[in-house]
């Protein structure tokens, strides 16, 4: 079963972020809690931690793309 990777809600006024860099590529293994992607908001660049251990199977949003909070940006199997 796949686990979705979401853009987190960091604060009440934050509605979107720019995906700066994927720290893992499709097909790479990842552990729960390990940084997987960097997202820039109006205040800072923040790392998003992996919600599960497994393999990054799908990158749904490319780098340098602005995405709304709670948007699915990738999948882990």
C-alpha atoms as a PDB file:
ATOM      1  CA  UNK A   1       0.000   0.000   0.000  1.00  0.00           C
ATOM      2  CA  UNK A   2       1.365   3.404  -0.973  1.00  0.00           C
ATOM      3  CA  UNK A   3       1.945   6.212   1.516  1.00  0.00           C
ATOM      4  CA  UNK A   4       1.461   9.745   0.198  1.00  0.00           C
ATOM      5  CA  UNK A   5       3.937  12.557   0.822  1.00  0.00           C
ATOM      6  CA  UNK A   6       2.160  15.862   1.446  1.00  0.00           C
ATOM      7  CA  UNK A   7       3.194  19.518   1.632  1.00  0.00           C
ATOM      8  CA  UNK A   8       2.739  20.222   5.354  1.00  0.00           C
ATOM      9  CA  UNK A   9       0.796  23.123   6.865  1.00  0.00           C
ATOM     10  CA  UNK A  10       3.543  25.059   8.713  1.00  0.00           C
ATOM     11  CA  UNK A  11       1.469  28.002   9.876  1.00  0.00           C
ATOM     12  CA  UNK A  12      -1.940  29.602   9.613  1.00  0.00           C
ATOM     13  CA  UNK A  13      -0.874  32.114   6.952  1.00  0.00           C
ATOM     14  CA  UNK A  14       1.103  29.658   4.825  1.00  0.00           C
ATOM     15  CA  UNK A  15      -0.956  28.521   1.829  1.00  0.00           C
ATOM     16  CA  UNK A  16       1.718  27.302  -0.577  1.00  0.00           C
ATOM     17  CA  UNK A  17       5.385  26.487  -0.956  1.00  0.00           C
ATOM     18  CA  UNK A  18       7.954  26.076  -3.716  1.00  0.00           C
ATOM     19  CA  UNK A  19       9.447  22.619  -4.018  1.00  0.00           C
ATOM     20  CA  UNK A  20      13.166  23.392  -3.971  1.00  0.00           C
ATOM     21  CA  UNK A  21      14.861  19.993  -4.121  1.00  0.00           C
ATOM     22  CA  UNK A  22      14.118  16.296  -3.849  1.00  0.00           C
ATOM     23  CA  UNK A  23      16.690  14.717  -1.531  1.00  0.00           C
ATOM     24  CA  UNK A  24      15.915  11.220  -2.857  1.00  0.00           C
ATOM     25  CA  UNK A  25      15.307   9.969  -6.391  1.00  0.00           C
ATOM     26  CA  UNK A  26      12.606   7.572  -7.570  1.00  0.00           C
ATOM     27  CA  UNK A  27      13.631   4.030  -6.713  1.00  0.00           C
ATOM     28  CA  UNK A  28      15.737   4.994  -3.677  1.00  0.00           C
ATOM     29  CA  UNK A  29      15.088   3.577  -0.218  1.00  0.00           C
ATOM     30  CA  UNK A  30      14.117   5.878   2.629  1.00  0.00           C
ATOM     31  CA  UNK A  31      13.529   5.539   6.361  1.00  0.00           C
ATOM     32  CA  UNK A  32      10.645   7.107   8.247  1.00  0.00           C
ATOM     33  CA  UNK A  33      11.679  10.512   9.613  1.00  0.00           C
ATOM     34  CA  UNK A  34      14.523  10.954   7.114  1.00  0.00           C
ATOM     35  CA  UNK A  35      14.471  14.232   5.116  1.00  0.00           C
ATOM     36  CA  UNK A  36      13.020  13.597   1.664  1.00  0.00           C
ATOM     37  CA  UNK A  37      12.316  17.018   0.119  1.00  0.00           C
ATOM     38  CA  UNK A  38      13.030  20.725   0.698  1.00  0.00           C
ATOM     39  CA  UNK A  39      10.183  23.222   0.411  1.00  0.00           C
ATOM     40  CA  UNK A  40      10.500  27.016   0.558  1.00  0.00           C
ATOM     41  CA  UNK A  41       7.786  29.144   2.141  1.00  0.00           C
ATOM     42  CA  UNK A  42       7.745  32.913   2.569  1.00  0.00           C
ATOM     43  CA  UNK A  43       9.839  32.532   5.712  1.00  0.00           C
ATOM     44  CA  UNK A  44      12.395  29.767   5.080  1.00  0.00           C
ATOM     45  CA  UNK A  45      13.435  26.575   3.310  1.00  0.00           C
ATOM     46  CA  UNK A  46      12.293  23.597   5.364  1.00  0.00           C
ATOM     47  CA  UNK A  47      12.897  19.872   5.050  1.00  0.00           C
ATOM     48  CA  UNK A  48       9.927  17.511   4.912  1.00  0.00           C
ATOM     49  CA  UNK A  49      10.499  14.181   6.634  1.00  0.00           C
ATOM     50  CA  UNK A  50       9.424  10.881   5.140  1.00  0.00           C
ATOM     51  CA  UNK A  51       6.113   9.698   6.642  1.00  0.00           C
ATOM     52  CA  UNK A  52       7.097   6.022   6.206  1.00  0.00           C
ATOM     53  CA  UNK A  53       9.979   3.672   5.443  1.00  0.00           C
ATOM     54  CA  UNK A  54      10.156   2.093   2.008  1.00  0.00           C
ATOM     55  CA  UNK A  55      11.015   3.083  -1.551  1.00  0.00           C
ATOM     56  CA  UNK A  56      10.230   6.422  -3.185  1.00  0.00           C
ATOM     57  CA  UNK A  57       8.161   5.117  -6.075  1.00  0.00           C
ATOM     58  CA  UNK A  58       6.655   8.304  -7.553  1.00  0.00           C
ATOM     59  CA  UNK A  59       7.682  11.938  -7.676  1.00  0.00           C
ATOM     60  CA  UNK A  60       4.502  13.772  -8.641  1.00  0.00           C
ATOM     61  CA  UNK A  61       5.787  17.378  -8.471  1.00  0.00           C
ATOM     62  CA  UNK A  62       8.970  18.604 -10.126  1.00  0.00           C
ATOM     63  CA  UNK A  63      11.534  20.869  -8.500  1.00  0.00           C
ATOM     64  CA  UNK A  64      10.913  24.647  -8.696  1.00  0.00           C
ATOM     65  CA  UNK A  65       7.122  24.146  -8.727  1.00  0.00           C
ATOM     66  CA  UNK A  66       4.798  26.082  -6.409  1.00  0.00           C
ATOM     67  CA  UNK A  67       2.300  23.767  -4.697  1.00  0.00           C
ATOM     68  CA  UNK A  68      -0.507  24.385  -2.204  1.00  0.00           C
ATOM     69  CA  UNK A  69      -0.281  23.001   1.335  1.00  0.00           C
ATOM     70  CA  UNK A  70      -1.660  19.488   1.819  1.00  0.00           C
ATOM     71  CA  UNK A  71      -0.968  18.678  -1.855  1.00  0.00           C
ATOM     72  CA  UNK A  72       0.339  15.169  -2.587  1.00  0.00           C
ATOM     73  CA  UNK A  73       3.846  15.488  -4.050  1.00  0.00           C
ATOM     74  CA  UNK A  74       5.067  11.888  -4.020  1.00  0.00           C
ATOM     75  CA  UNK A  75       4.476   8.260  -2.995  1.00  0.00           C
ATOM     76  CA  UNK A  76       6.371   5.706  -0.959  1.00  0.00           C
ATOM     77  CA  UNK A  77       5.753   1.958  -1.231  1.00  0.00           C
END
